N, C-alpha and C. Protein backbone atom coordinates (compact mmCIF):
# COMPACT_ATOMS: atom_id res chain seq x y z
N UNK A 1 -41.45 -27.41 -9.84
CA UNK A 1 -41.08 -26.89 -8.54
C UNK A 1 -42.12 -26.88 -7.39
N UNK A 2 -41.85 -27.28 -6.29
CA UNK A 2 -42.80 -27.42 -5.38
C UNK A 2 -43.57 -26.10 -4.87
N UNK A 3 -44.91 -26.11 -4.72
CA UNK A 3 -45.54 -24.94 -4.16
C UNK A 3 -45.50 -24.98 -2.57
N UNK A 4 -45.45 -23.68 -1.98
CA UNK A 4 -45.38 -23.41 -0.65
C UNK A 4 -46.57 -22.45 -0.40
N UNK A 5 -47.38 -22.86 0.50
CA UNK A 5 -48.81 -21.98 0.94
C UNK A 5 -48.62 -21.09 1.89
N UNK A 6 -47.27 -21.36 2.69
CA UNK A 6 -47.23 -20.53 3.95
C UNK A 6 -45.58 -20.29 4.26
N UNK A 7 -45.36 -19.47 5.00
CA UNK A 7 -43.84 -19.29 5.51
C UNK A 7 -43.36 -20.66 6.21
N UNK A 8 -44.44 -21.03 7.26
CA UNK A 8 -43.89 -22.21 7.86
C UNK A 8 -43.69 -23.29 7.01
N UNK A 9 -44.35 -23.61 6.13
CA UNK A 9 -44.25 -24.65 5.08
C UNK A 9 -43.02 -24.62 4.24
N UNK A 10 -42.72 -23.36 4.02
CA UNK A 10 -41.34 -22.91 3.29
C UNK A 10 -40.08 -23.29 4.07
N UNK A 11 -40.31 -22.60 5.35
CA UNK A 11 -39.13 -22.73 6.36
C UNK A 11 -38.93 -24.18 6.71
N UNK A 12 -40.12 -25.07 6.65
CA UNK A 12 -39.85 -26.57 7.27
C UNK A 12 -39.27 -27.32 6.00
N UNK A 13 -39.51 -26.77 4.68
CA UNK A 13 -38.71 -27.40 3.67
C UNK A 13 -37.28 -27.20 3.52
N UNK A 14 -37.01 -25.88 3.74
CA UNK A 14 -35.57 -25.63 3.74
C UNK A 14 -35.00 -25.20 5.24
N UNK A 15 -35.13 -26.35 5.96
CA UNK A 15 -34.86 -26.22 7.39
C UNK A 15 -33.46 -26.41 7.81
N UNK A 16 -32.57 -26.35 7.00
CA UNK A 16 -31.35 -26.34 7.35
C UNK A 16 -30.27 -25.74 6.10
N UNK A 17 -29.10 -25.52 6.42
CA UNK A 17 -28.04 -25.12 5.39
C UNK A 17 -28.04 -26.11 4.31
N UNK A 18 -27.82 -27.44 4.76
CA UNK A 18 -27.68 -28.56 3.76
C UNK A 18 -28.78 -28.58 2.64
N UNK A 19 -30.07 -28.25 3.17
CA UNK A 19 -31.17 -28.50 2.22
C UNK A 19 -31.24 -27.40 1.38
N UNK A 20 -30.68 -26.09 1.82
CA UNK A 20 -30.66 -24.92 0.97
C UNK A 20 -29.53 -24.98 -0.12
N UNK A 21 -28.44 -25.49 0.35
CA UNK A 21 -27.27 -25.70 -0.50
C UNK A 21 -27.63 -26.72 -1.60
N UNK A 22 -28.09 -27.71 -1.24
CA UNK A 22 -28.59 -28.71 -2.31
C UNK A 22 -29.49 -28.20 -3.44
N UNK A 23 -30.59 -27.43 -3.03
CA UNK A 23 -31.57 -26.77 -3.73
C UNK A 23 -30.83 -25.87 -4.71
N UNK A 24 -30.02 -24.79 -3.93
CA UNK A 24 -29.30 -23.84 -5.01
C UNK A 24 -28.28 -24.35 -5.90
N UNK A 25 -27.46 -25.50 -5.42
CA UNK A 25 -26.49 -26.01 -6.30
C UNK A 25 -27.26 -26.84 -7.25
N UNK A 26 -28.38 -27.38 -7.19
CA UNK A 26 -29.14 -28.17 -8.34
C UNK A 26 -29.46 -27.11 -9.37
N UNK A 27 -29.91 -25.89 -8.80
CA UNK A 27 -30.36 -24.87 -9.83
C UNK A 27 -29.24 -24.31 -10.67
N UNK A 28 -28.04 -24.09 -9.84
CA UNK A 28 -26.98 -23.36 -10.46
C UNK A 28 -26.21 -24.31 -11.42
N UNK A 29 -26.25 -25.66 -11.01
CA UNK A 29 -25.25 -26.56 -11.93
C UNK A 29 -26.34 -27.34 -12.52
N UNK A 30 -27.44 -27.08 -12.89
CA UNK A 30 -28.60 -27.81 -13.50
C UNK A 30 -28.04 -28.46 -15.05
N UNK A 31 -27.11 -27.85 -15.61
CA UNK A 31 -26.80 -28.16 -17.07
C UNK A 31 -25.07 -28.55 -16.77
N UNK A 32 -24.67 -28.80 -15.75
CA UNK A 32 -23.20 -29.24 -15.56
C UNK A 32 -22.50 -28.21 -14.75
N UNK A 33 -21.29 -28.68 -14.10
CA UNK A 33 -20.46 -27.84 -13.47
C UNK A 33 -19.96 -26.66 -14.38
N UNK A 34 -19.65 -25.52 -13.84
CA UNK A 34 -18.95 -24.45 -14.44
C UNK A 34 -18.19 -23.47 -13.42
N UNK A 35 -17.33 -22.78 -13.94
CA UNK A 35 -16.75 -21.91 -13.02
C UNK A 35 -17.25 -20.53 -13.28
N UNK A 36 -17.51 -19.83 -12.27
CA UNK A 36 -18.26 -18.46 -12.53
C UNK A 36 -17.24 -17.48 -13.07
N UNK A 37 -15.90 -17.82 -12.87
CA UNK A 37 -14.98 -16.73 -13.17
C UNK A 37 -14.61 -16.89 -14.83
N UNK A 38 -14.48 -18.23 -15.31
CA UNK A 38 -14.05 -18.33 -16.55
C UNK A 38 -14.99 -19.27 -17.32
N UNK A 39 -16.02 -19.74 -16.89
CA UNK A 39 -17.04 -20.50 -17.44
C UNK A 39 -16.42 -21.96 -17.84
N UNK A 40 -15.26 -22.24 -17.49
CA UNK A 40 -14.61 -23.53 -17.81
C UNK A 40 -15.67 -24.81 -16.97
N UNK A 41 -15.80 -25.84 -17.71
CA UNK A 41 -16.55 -26.65 -17.11
C UNK A 41 -16.10 -27.84 -16.28
N UNK A 42 -14.80 -27.81 -16.09
CA UNK A 42 -14.29 -28.89 -15.21
C UNK A 42 -13.75 -28.11 -14.01
N UNK A 43 -14.58 -28.57 -12.72
CA UNK A 43 -13.96 -27.92 -11.47
C UNK A 43 -13.76 -28.93 -10.28
N UNK A 44 -13.07 -28.75 -9.46
CA UNK A 44 -12.62 -29.69 -8.44
C UNK A 44 -13.63 -29.40 -7.04
N UNK A 45 -14.14 -30.13 -6.36
CA UNK A 45 -14.76 -30.00 -5.07
C UNK A 45 -13.80 -30.20 -4.03
N UNK A 46 -13.66 -29.26 -2.97
CA UNK A 46 -13.01 -29.62 -1.86
C UNK A 46 -13.77 -30.61 -0.80
N UNK A 47 -12.81 -31.21 -0.06
CA UNK A 47 -13.42 -32.08 0.96
C UNK A 47 -14.79 -31.48 1.79
N UNK A 48 -14.51 -30.22 2.10
CA UNK A 48 -15.66 -29.79 3.00
C UNK A 48 -16.81 -29.60 2.23
N UNK A 49 -16.96 -29.89 0.67
CA UNK A 49 -18.27 -29.91 -0.13
C UNK A 49 -18.66 -28.42 0.09
N UNK A 50 -18.08 -27.37 0.16
CA UNK A 50 -18.32 -26.00 0.08
C UNK A 50 -17.74 -25.15 -0.83
N UNK A 51 -16.30 -25.61 -1.06
CA UNK A 51 -15.65 -24.69 -1.98
C UNK A 51 -15.27 -25.69 -3.21
N UNK A 52 -14.87 -24.67 -4.23
CA UNK A 52 -14.69 -25.53 -5.40
C UNK A 52 -13.17 -24.83 -6.31
N UNK A 53 -12.65 -25.38 -7.02
CA UNK A 53 -11.60 -24.85 -7.68
C UNK A 53 -11.65 -25.07 -9.22
N UNK A 54 -11.62 -24.09 -9.96
CA UNK A 54 -11.57 -24.30 -11.53
C UNK A 54 -10.08 -24.95 -11.84
N UNK A 55 -10.28 -25.90 -12.81
CA UNK A 55 -9.17 -26.79 -13.29
C UNK A 55 -8.38 -25.81 -14.22
N UNK A 56 -9.13 -24.87 -14.74
CA UNK A 56 -8.39 -24.12 -15.70
C UNK A 56 -7.72 -22.70 -15.34
N UNK A 57 -8.55 -21.98 -14.52
CA UNK A 57 -7.97 -20.62 -14.00
C UNK A 57 -7.53 -20.75 -12.73
N UNK A 58 -7.66 -21.91 -11.94
CA UNK A 58 -7.09 -22.29 -10.71
C UNK A 58 -7.63 -21.28 -9.62
N UNK A 59 -8.87 -20.43 -9.74
CA UNK A 59 -9.45 -19.87 -8.93
C UNK A 59 -10.38 -20.48 -8.09
N UNK A 60 -10.37 -20.18 -6.80
CA UNK A 60 -11.57 -20.93 -5.78
C UNK A 60 -12.81 -20.00 -5.84
N UNK A 61 -13.94 -20.87 -5.47
CA UNK A 61 -15.06 -20.20 -5.36
C UNK A 61 -16.14 -20.90 -4.73
N UNK A 62 -17.21 -20.39 -4.33
CA UNK A 62 -18.37 -21.08 -3.74
C UNK A 62 -19.71 -21.17 -4.25
N UNK A 63 -20.43 -21.86 -3.93
CA UNK A 63 -21.82 -21.75 -4.57
C UNK A 63 -22.40 -20.45 -4.61
N UNK A 64 -21.94 -19.58 -3.71
CA UNK A 64 -22.63 -18.29 -3.76
C UNK A 64 -21.75 -17.25 -4.54
N UNK A 65 -20.78 -17.53 -5.18
CA UNK A 65 -19.96 -16.78 -5.99
C UNK A 65 -20.65 -16.11 -7.24
N UNK A 66 -20.71 -14.89 -7.44
CA UNK A 66 -21.15 -14.22 -8.55
C UNK A 66 -22.76 -14.25 -8.53
N UNK A 67 -23.43 -14.49 -7.24
CA UNK A 67 -24.90 -14.55 -7.24
C UNK A 67 -25.24 -13.37 -6.18
N UNK A 68 -26.49 -13.26 -6.03
CA UNK A 68 -27.05 -12.12 -5.19
C UNK A 68 -26.60 -12.44 -3.62
N UNK A 69 -26.04 -13.70 -3.41
CA UNK A 69 -25.55 -13.98 -1.92
C UNK A 69 -24.25 -13.46 -1.85
N UNK A 70 -23.48 -13.36 -2.84
CA UNK A 70 -22.15 -12.92 -2.81
C UNK A 70 -21.38 -13.76 -2.04
N UNK A 71 -20.34 -13.13 -1.22
CA UNK A 71 -19.60 -13.80 -0.14
C UNK A 71 -20.38 -13.63 1.21
N UNK A 72 -21.59 -13.31 1.34
CA UNK A 72 -22.21 -12.89 2.54
C UNK A 72 -22.04 -14.07 3.61
N UNK A 73 -21.73 -13.91 4.56
CA UNK A 73 -21.73 -14.98 5.80
C UNK A 73 -22.95 -15.47 6.33
N UNK A 74 -23.99 -14.55 6.03
CA UNK A 74 -25.37 -14.95 6.47
C UNK A 74 -25.78 -16.37 5.95
N UNK A 75 -26.35 -17.41 6.83
CA UNK A 75 -26.91 -18.68 6.33
C UNK A 75 -27.85 -18.45 5.31
N UNK A 76 -27.66 -19.51 4.28
CA UNK A 76 -28.57 -19.48 3.03
C UNK A 76 -29.92 -19.45 3.33
N UNK A 77 -30.47 -20.18 4.64
CA UNK A 77 -31.59 -20.35 4.98
C UNK A 77 -32.24 -18.95 5.23
N UNK A 78 -31.43 -18.11 5.94
CA UNK A 78 -32.02 -16.56 6.07
C UNK A 78 -32.40 -16.02 4.81
N UNK A 79 -31.46 -16.00 3.85
CA UNK A 79 -31.62 -15.50 2.52
C UNK A 79 -32.68 -16.12 1.58
N UNK A 80 -32.82 -17.33 2.10
CA UNK A 80 -34.17 -18.09 1.25
C UNK A 80 -35.51 -17.38 1.88
N UNK A 81 -35.52 -17.38 3.25
CA UNK A 81 -36.80 -16.67 3.86
C UNK A 81 -36.89 -15.44 3.57
N UNK A 82 -35.88 -14.53 3.34
CA UNK A 82 -36.22 -13.18 2.90
C UNK A 82 -36.52 -13.16 1.64
N UNK A 83 -36.19 -13.78 0.69
CA UNK A 83 -36.58 -13.85 -0.65
C UNK A 83 -38.02 -14.34 -0.69
N UNK A 84 -38.43 -15.26 0.18
CA UNK A 84 -40.03 -15.67 0.19
C UNK A 84 -40.67 -14.69 0.58
N UNK A 85 -40.24 -13.95 1.67
CA UNK A 85 -41.25 -12.90 2.26
C UNK A 85 -41.22 -11.68 1.26
N UNK A 86 -40.37 -11.29 0.65
CA UNK A 86 -40.31 -10.19 -0.36
C UNK A 86 -40.83 -10.36 -1.69
N UNK A 87 -40.93 -11.79 -1.91
CA UNK A 87 -41.58 -12.04 -3.36
C UNK A 87 -43.04 -12.38 -3.14
N UNK A 88 -43.65 -12.83 -1.78
CA UNK A 88 -44.87 -12.86 -1.57
C UNK A 88 -45.64 -11.87 -0.94
N UNK A 89 -45.13 -10.92 -0.33
CA UNK A 89 -45.79 -9.71 0.35
C UNK A 89 -46.34 -8.70 -0.70
N UNK A 90 -47.52 -8.74 -0.75
CA UNK A 90 -48.31 -7.83 -1.80
C UNK A 90 -48.26 -6.48 -1.39
N UNK A 91 -48.11 -6.16 -0.43
CA UNK A 91 -48.25 -4.71 0.02
C UNK A 91 -46.81 -4.31 0.50
N UNK A 92 -45.66 -5.23 0.30
CA UNK A 92 -44.40 -4.63 0.75
C UNK A 92 -44.01 -5.08 2.02
N UNK A 93 -42.92 -5.17 2.50
CA UNK A 93 -42.38 -5.42 3.87
C UNK A 93 -41.28 -4.51 4.23
N UNK A 94 -41.46 -3.76 5.59
CA UNK A 94 -40.48 -2.89 5.78
C UNK A 94 -39.19 -3.73 6.54
N UNK A 95 -38.13 -3.06 6.60
CA UNK A 95 -36.79 -3.49 6.99
C UNK A 95 -36.98 -4.05 8.31
N UNK A 96 -38.03 -3.10 9.14
CA UNK A 96 -37.91 -3.67 10.71
C UNK A 96 -38.79 -5.00 10.58
N UNK A 97 -39.85 -5.26 9.86
CA UNK A 97 -40.53 -6.52 9.87
C UNK A 97 -39.71 -7.51 9.18
N UNK A 98 -38.88 -7.19 8.22
CA UNK A 98 -38.10 -8.42 7.44
C UNK A 98 -36.99 -8.76 8.65
N UNK A 99 -36.37 -7.85 9.31
CA UNK A 99 -35.44 -8.29 10.32
C UNK A 99 -36.11 -9.20 11.37
N UNK A 100 -37.28 -8.93 11.82
CA UNK A 100 -37.97 -9.52 12.84
C UNK A 100 -38.29 -11.05 12.26
N UNK A 101 -38.75 -11.27 11.26
CA UNK A 101 -38.99 -12.54 10.69
C UNK A 101 -37.80 -13.28 10.16
N UNK A 102 -36.85 -12.63 9.78
CA UNK A 102 -35.74 -13.50 9.31
C UNK A 102 -34.68 -13.65 10.53
N UNK A 103 -34.69 -13.02 11.57
CA UNK A 103 -33.82 -13.10 12.63
C UNK A 103 -32.60 -12.23 12.37
N UNK A 104 -32.45 -11.20 11.99
CA UNK A 104 -31.28 -10.51 11.70
C UNK A 104 -31.52 -8.90 12.17
N UNK A 105 -30.57 -8.11 12.38
CA UNK A 105 -30.81 -6.62 12.94
C UNK A 105 -31.20 -5.87 11.54
N UNK A 106 -31.99 -4.85 11.89
CA UNK A 106 -32.44 -4.08 10.59
C UNK A 106 -31.55 -3.79 9.52
N UNK A 107 -30.29 -3.34 10.07
CA UNK A 107 -29.30 -2.82 8.99
C UNK A 107 -29.05 -4.06 8.15
N UNK A 108 -28.85 -5.16 8.70
CA UNK A 108 -28.65 -6.21 7.76
C UNK A 108 -29.91 -6.72 6.84
N UNK A 109 -31.03 -6.44 7.36
CA UNK A 109 -32.51 -6.74 6.75
C UNK A 109 -32.45 -5.89 5.50
N UNK A 110 -31.94 -4.54 5.75
CA UNK A 110 -32.12 -3.47 4.73
C UNK A 110 -31.09 -3.88 3.57
N UNK A 111 -30.01 -4.38 3.95
CA UNK A 111 -29.02 -4.91 3.00
C UNK A 111 -29.50 -5.84 2.23
N UNK A 112 -30.15 -6.90 2.93
CA UNK A 112 -30.72 -7.94 2.13
C UNK A 112 -31.86 -7.64 1.16
N UNK A 113 -32.67 -6.74 1.59
CA UNK A 113 -33.63 -6.37 0.85
C UNK A 113 -33.15 -5.66 -0.48
N UNK A 114 -32.02 -4.69 -0.44
CA UNK A 114 -31.23 -4.09 -1.55
C UNK A 114 -31.10 -5.14 -2.57
N UNK A 115 -30.21 -6.16 -2.02
CA UNK A 115 -29.63 -6.99 -2.87
C UNK A 115 -30.64 -7.94 -3.56
N UNK A 116 -31.73 -8.44 -2.77
CA UNK A 116 -32.50 -9.06 -3.43
C UNK A 116 -33.38 -8.37 -4.41
N UNK A 117 -33.75 -7.09 -4.06
CA UNK A 117 -34.55 -6.24 -5.13
C UNK A 117 -33.70 -6.00 -6.42
N UNK A 118 -32.40 -5.68 -6.03
CA UNK A 118 -31.49 -5.70 -7.51
C UNK A 118 -31.37 -6.79 -8.21
N UNK A 119 -31.43 -8.08 -7.54
CA UNK A 119 -31.40 -9.33 -8.37
C UNK A 119 -32.58 -9.34 -9.12
N UNK A 120 -33.64 -9.14 -8.60
CA UNK A 120 -35.03 -9.02 -9.30
C UNK A 120 -35.05 -8.18 -10.47
N UNK A 121 -34.39 -7.03 -10.18
CA UNK A 121 -34.53 -6.05 -11.48
C UNK A 121 -33.51 -6.40 -12.53
N UNK A 122 -32.41 -7.15 -12.23
CA UNK A 122 -31.56 -7.38 -13.26
C UNK A 122 -32.18 -8.12 -14.59
N UNK A 123 -31.46 -7.74 -15.58
CA UNK A 123 -32.19 -8.22 -16.74
C UNK A 123 -32.09 -7.16 -17.89
N UNK A 124 -31.27 -5.91 -17.43
CA UNK A 124 -31.11 -5.05 -18.40
C UNK A 124 -30.29 -5.45 -19.77
N UNK A 125 -29.43 -6.35 -19.21
CA UNK A 125 -28.80 -7.08 -20.37
C UNK A 125 -29.65 -8.24 -20.91
N UNK A 126 -29.43 -8.25 -22.26
CA UNK A 126 -30.50 -9.41 -22.75
C UNK A 126 -29.83 -10.78 -22.81
N UNK A 127 -30.85 -11.80 -22.51
CA UNK A 127 -30.37 -13.19 -22.49
C UNK A 127 -30.15 -13.60 -23.65
N UNK A 128 -29.30 -14.68 -23.82
CA UNK A 128 -29.00 -15.15 -25.29
C UNK A 128 -29.00 -16.81 -25.07
N UNK A 129 -28.93 -17.48 -26.35
CA UNK A 129 -28.70 -18.87 -26.26
C UNK A 129 -30.13 -19.32 -25.94
N UNK A 130 -30.04 -20.54 -25.20
CA UNK A 130 -30.98 -21.29 -24.79
C UNK A 130 -31.55 -20.85 -23.39
N UNK A 131 -32.63 -20.30 -23.26
CA UNK A 131 -33.25 -19.92 -21.84
C UNK A 131 -34.30 -20.79 -21.55
N UNK A 132 -34.26 -21.21 -20.24
CA UNK A 132 -35.20 -22.23 -19.79
C UNK A 132 -36.14 -21.22 -18.87
N UNK A 133 -37.45 -21.36 -18.92
CA UNK A 133 -38.36 -20.64 -18.30
C UNK A 133 -39.33 -21.42 -17.32
N UNK A 134 -39.52 -21.06 -16.20
CA UNK A 134 -40.55 -22.01 -15.32
C UNK A 134 -41.06 -21.08 -14.42
N UNK A 135 -42.25 -21.40 -13.81
CA UNK A 135 -43.00 -20.43 -12.93
C UNK A 135 -43.46 -21.40 -11.92
N UNK A 136 -43.50 -20.59 -10.52
CA UNK A 136 -44.14 -21.37 -9.39
C UNK A 136 -44.93 -20.45 -8.61
N UNK A 137 -45.85 -20.74 -7.72
CA UNK A 137 -46.77 -19.90 -7.06
C UNK A 137 -46.37 -19.81 -5.32
N UNK A 138 -46.27 -18.71 -4.94
CA UNK A 138 -45.72 -18.61 -3.34
C UNK A 138 -47.01 -17.86 -2.83
N UNK A 139 -46.96 -18.38 -1.41
CA UNK A 139 -47.91 -17.48 -0.65
C UNK A 139 -49.30 -17.85 -0.69
N UNK A 140 -50.13 -17.16 0.16
CA UNK A 140 -51.82 -17.15 -0.02
C UNK A 140 -52.28 -18.41 0.10
N UNK A 141 -53.56 -18.70 -0.09
CA UNK A 141 -54.33 -19.96 -0.21
C UNK A 141 -55.00 -20.04 -1.77
N UNK A 142 -54.87 -21.35 -2.01
CA UNK A 142 -55.51 -21.69 -3.26
C UNK A 142 -56.80 -21.38 -3.28
N UNK A 143 -57.55 -20.88 -4.50
CA UNK A 143 -58.90 -20.62 -4.81
C UNK A 143 -59.37 -21.84 -5.46
N UNK A 144 -60.25 -22.49 -5.01
CA UNK A 144 -60.60 -23.93 -5.62
C UNK A 144 -61.09 -23.89 -7.09
N UNK A 145 -61.71 -22.60 -7.53
CA UNK A 145 -61.98 -22.68 -8.79
C UNK A 145 -60.79 -22.52 -9.80
N UNK A 146 -59.79 -21.63 -9.44
CA UNK A 146 -58.82 -21.24 -10.33
C UNK A 146 -57.53 -21.74 -10.06
N UNK A 147 -57.23 -21.93 -8.82
CA UNK A 147 -56.11 -22.61 -8.41
C UNK A 147 -54.91 -21.69 -7.91
N UNK A 148 -54.74 -20.73 -8.98
CA UNK A 148 -53.53 -19.55 -8.52
C UNK A 148 -54.09 -18.25 -7.99
N UNK A 149 -55.18 -18.36 -7.57
CA UNK A 149 -55.74 -17.06 -7.01
C UNK A 149 -55.40 -16.72 -5.62
N UNK A 150 -54.97 -15.65 -5.30
CA UNK A 150 -54.31 -15.27 -3.97
C UNK A 150 -52.75 -15.71 -3.72
N UNK A 151 -52.41 -16.17 -4.85
CA UNK A 151 -50.74 -16.55 -4.74
C UNK A 151 -50.07 -15.56 -5.62
N UNK A 152 -48.98 -15.48 -5.36
CA UNK A 152 -48.02 -14.69 -6.13
C UNK A 152 -47.18 -15.68 -7.35
N UNK A 153 -47.39 -15.44 -8.43
CA UNK A 153 -46.47 -16.08 -9.33
C UNK A 153 -45.43 -15.41 -9.66
N UNK A 154 -44.20 -16.41 -9.89
CA UNK A 154 -42.77 -16.13 -9.59
C UNK A 154 -42.37 -16.73 -11.15
N UNK A 155 -41.71 -15.83 -11.85
CA UNK A 155 -41.14 -16.30 -12.90
C UNK A 155 -39.62 -16.41 -12.88
N UNK A 156 -39.20 -17.68 -13.43
CA UNK A 156 -37.77 -17.83 -13.10
C UNK A 156 -37.16 -17.92 -14.65
N UNK A 157 -36.17 -17.56 -15.10
CA UNK A 157 -35.50 -17.88 -16.26
C UNK A 157 -34.03 -17.87 -16.05
N UNK A 158 -33.34 -19.11 -16.83
CA UNK A 158 -31.96 -19.31 -16.66
C UNK A 158 -31.48 -19.43 -18.10
N UNK A 159 -30.11 -18.67 -18.23
CA UNK A 159 -29.57 -18.73 -19.60
C UNK A 159 -28.57 -19.89 -19.21
N UNK A 160 -28.82 -21.01 -20.17
CA UNK A 160 -27.94 -22.18 -19.53
C UNK A 160 -26.51 -22.00 -19.44
N UNK A 161 -26.07 -22.41 -18.29
CA UNK A 161 -24.88 -22.32 -17.70
C UNK A 161 -24.42 -21.05 -17.46
N UNK A 162 -25.44 -20.09 -17.21
CA UNK A 162 -24.86 -18.74 -16.95
C UNK A 162 -25.98 -17.85 -16.10
N UNK A 163 -26.53 -16.69 -16.64
CA UNK A 163 -27.18 -15.88 -15.90
C UNK A 163 -28.54 -16.57 -15.58
N UNK A 164 -29.14 -15.84 -14.37
CA UNK A 164 -30.34 -16.24 -14.04
C UNK A 164 -31.26 -15.11 -13.76
N UNK A 165 -32.42 -15.26 -13.90
CA UNK A 165 -33.64 -14.00 -13.52
C UNK A 165 -34.62 -14.73 -12.69
N UNK A 166 -35.11 -13.78 -11.87
CA UNK A 166 -36.45 -14.05 -11.19
C UNK A 166 -37.21 -12.97 -10.82
N UNK A 167 -38.53 -12.95 -11.11
CA UNK A 167 -39.34 -11.82 -10.84
C UNK A 167 -40.75 -12.10 -10.49
N UNK A 168 -41.46 -11.58 -9.62
CA UNK A 168 -43.03 -11.73 -9.51
C UNK A 168 -43.58 -11.31 -10.65
N UNK A 169 -44.92 -11.94 -11.00
CA UNK A 169 -45.66 -11.70 -12.04
C UNK A 169 -47.20 -11.45 -11.51
N UNK A 170 -47.42 -10.04 -11.59
CA UNK A 170 -48.54 -9.67 -10.86
C UNK A 170 -50.03 -9.88 -11.34
N UNK A 171 -50.13 -10.37 -12.56
CA UNK A 171 -51.36 -10.64 -13.14
C UNK A 171 -51.42 -12.02 -14.17
N UNK A 172 -51.14 -13.03 -13.43
CA UNK A 172 -51.15 -14.35 -14.21
C UNK A 172 -52.42 -14.64 -14.63
N UNK A 173 -53.39 -14.43 -14.16
CA UNK A 173 -54.82 -14.75 -14.37
C UNK A 173 -55.20 -14.12 -15.79
N UNK A 174 -55.18 -13.04 -15.85
CA UNK A 174 -55.59 -12.13 -17.04
C UNK A 174 -54.56 -12.23 -18.32
N UNK A 175 -53.63 -13.19 -18.23
CA UNK A 175 -52.80 -13.35 -19.53
C UNK A 175 -51.88 -12.27 -19.83
N UNK A 176 -51.62 -11.35 -18.96
CA UNK A 176 -50.66 -10.17 -19.28
C UNK A 176 -49.51 -10.70 -20.19
N UNK A 177 -49.23 -9.53 -21.17
CA UNK A 177 -47.90 -9.76 -21.63
C UNK A 177 -46.81 -9.66 -20.82
N UNK A 178 -45.70 -10.56 -20.96
CA UNK A 178 -44.57 -10.34 -20.13
C UNK A 178 -43.42 -10.11 -21.19
N UNK A 179 -42.81 -8.88 -20.98
CA UNK A 179 -41.79 -8.36 -21.88
C UNK A 179 -40.52 -8.73 -21.54
N UNK A 180 -39.84 -9.87 -21.95
CA UNK A 180 -38.40 -10.22 -21.30
C UNK A 180 -37.39 -9.61 -22.17
N UNK A 181 -36.51 -9.34 -21.56
CA UNK A 181 -35.21 -8.77 -22.17
C UNK A 181 -34.50 -10.02 -22.95
N UNK A 182 -34.72 -10.40 -23.99
CA UNK A 182 -34.17 -11.51 -24.72
C UNK A 182 -33.43 -10.95 -26.04
N UNK A 183 -32.73 -11.52 -26.25
CA UNK A 183 -31.70 -11.24 -27.62
C UNK A 183 -31.99 -12.47 -28.61
N UNK A 184 -30.74 -12.96 -28.98
CA UNK A 184 -31.22 -14.29 -29.97
C UNK A 184 -31.56 -15.37 -29.25
N UNK A 185 -32.45 -15.30 -28.33
CA UNK A 185 -32.68 -16.53 -27.24
C UNK A 185 -33.80 -17.50 -27.75
N UNK A 186 -33.52 -18.90 -27.45
CA UNK A 186 -34.66 -19.70 -27.86
C UNK A 186 -35.08 -19.95 -26.28
N UNK A 187 -36.52 -20.17 -26.29
CA UNK A 187 -37.09 -20.37 -25.10
C UNK A 187 -37.17 -21.84 -24.94
N UNK A 188 -36.89 -22.39 -23.64
CA UNK A 188 -37.29 -23.81 -23.63
C UNK A 188 -38.20 -23.76 -22.30
N UNK A 189 -39.53 -23.97 -22.37
CA UNK A 189 -40.35 -23.69 -21.59
C UNK A 189 -40.44 -24.88 -20.60
N UNK A 190 -40.57 -24.81 -19.39
CA UNK A 190 -40.80 -26.00 -18.42
C UNK A 190 -42.28 -25.64 -17.86
N UNK A 191 -42.89 -26.95 -17.54
CA UNK A 191 -44.22 -26.91 -16.74
C UNK A 191 -45.22 -26.34 -17.76
N UNK A 192 -46.16 -25.52 -17.17
CA UNK A 192 -47.22 -24.86 -17.80
C UNK A 192 -47.54 -23.49 -18.11
N UNK A 193 -46.33 -23.07 -18.49
CA UNK A 193 -46.20 -21.51 -18.68
C UNK A 193 -47.09 -21.17 -20.13
N UNK A 194 -47.89 -20.32 -19.88
CA UNK A 194 -49.00 -19.85 -20.82
C UNK A 194 -49.07 -18.37 -21.29
N UNK A 195 -48.03 -17.65 -20.78
CA UNK A 195 -48.11 -16.15 -21.01
C UNK A 195 -47.93 -16.04 -22.45
N UNK A 196 -48.54 -14.82 -23.09
CA UNK A 196 -48.65 -14.44 -24.49
C UNK A 196 -47.41 -13.96 -24.96
N UNK A 197 -46.36 -13.54 -24.24
CA UNK A 197 -45.26 -12.98 -24.87
C UNK A 197 -44.15 -13.69 -24.16
N UNK A 198 -43.34 -14.50 -24.75
CA UNK A 198 -42.10 -15.11 -24.24
C UNK A 198 -40.97 -14.71 -25.11
N UNK A 199 -41.29 -13.69 -26.13
CA UNK A 199 -40.07 -13.19 -26.76
C UNK A 199 -40.09 -11.76 -26.70
N UNK A 200 -38.97 -11.08 -27.09
CA UNK A 200 -38.70 -9.60 -26.94
C UNK A 200 -39.57 -8.92 -27.89
């Protein structure tokens, strides 16, 4: 996954809805198409390339259905920026500041904050099956000696064809134990993940 050292760099990469949709669709359908309602793997794409219909249950859905974005009418770009800000701010960020930087009213920023924090806290239910794990670093400047100093490490975990988890890791350099809520899961690591605990 690409590293972003600054908000400007991040916003420049995800500079329109098409780029955000393409990125999120690649993550969500990484192991093939599926319906978020019944998990059937045959779906139809509408001509607008924004909606889908399940061939089995016949229900319509969007790329955001069943995710933290819900059926929000906010542009995905604003959600992406809010996620970046909330996961890279070491001292936290107020809803007022979030509203100013994302370009929404404070009430909307508060709603986004709550949605994102809730998504980061998800994981009470144990992941099962094959779970892919990867990490990336957001914000700050690289320390020439260690490379990851001053950056926030963010761990992402995906239950193939199903649930996703994402959360900041505060102490990457000291090799802290990461206690994941995993049931009978097999970890399929991506990249250079070297945490001591990748099992429950």
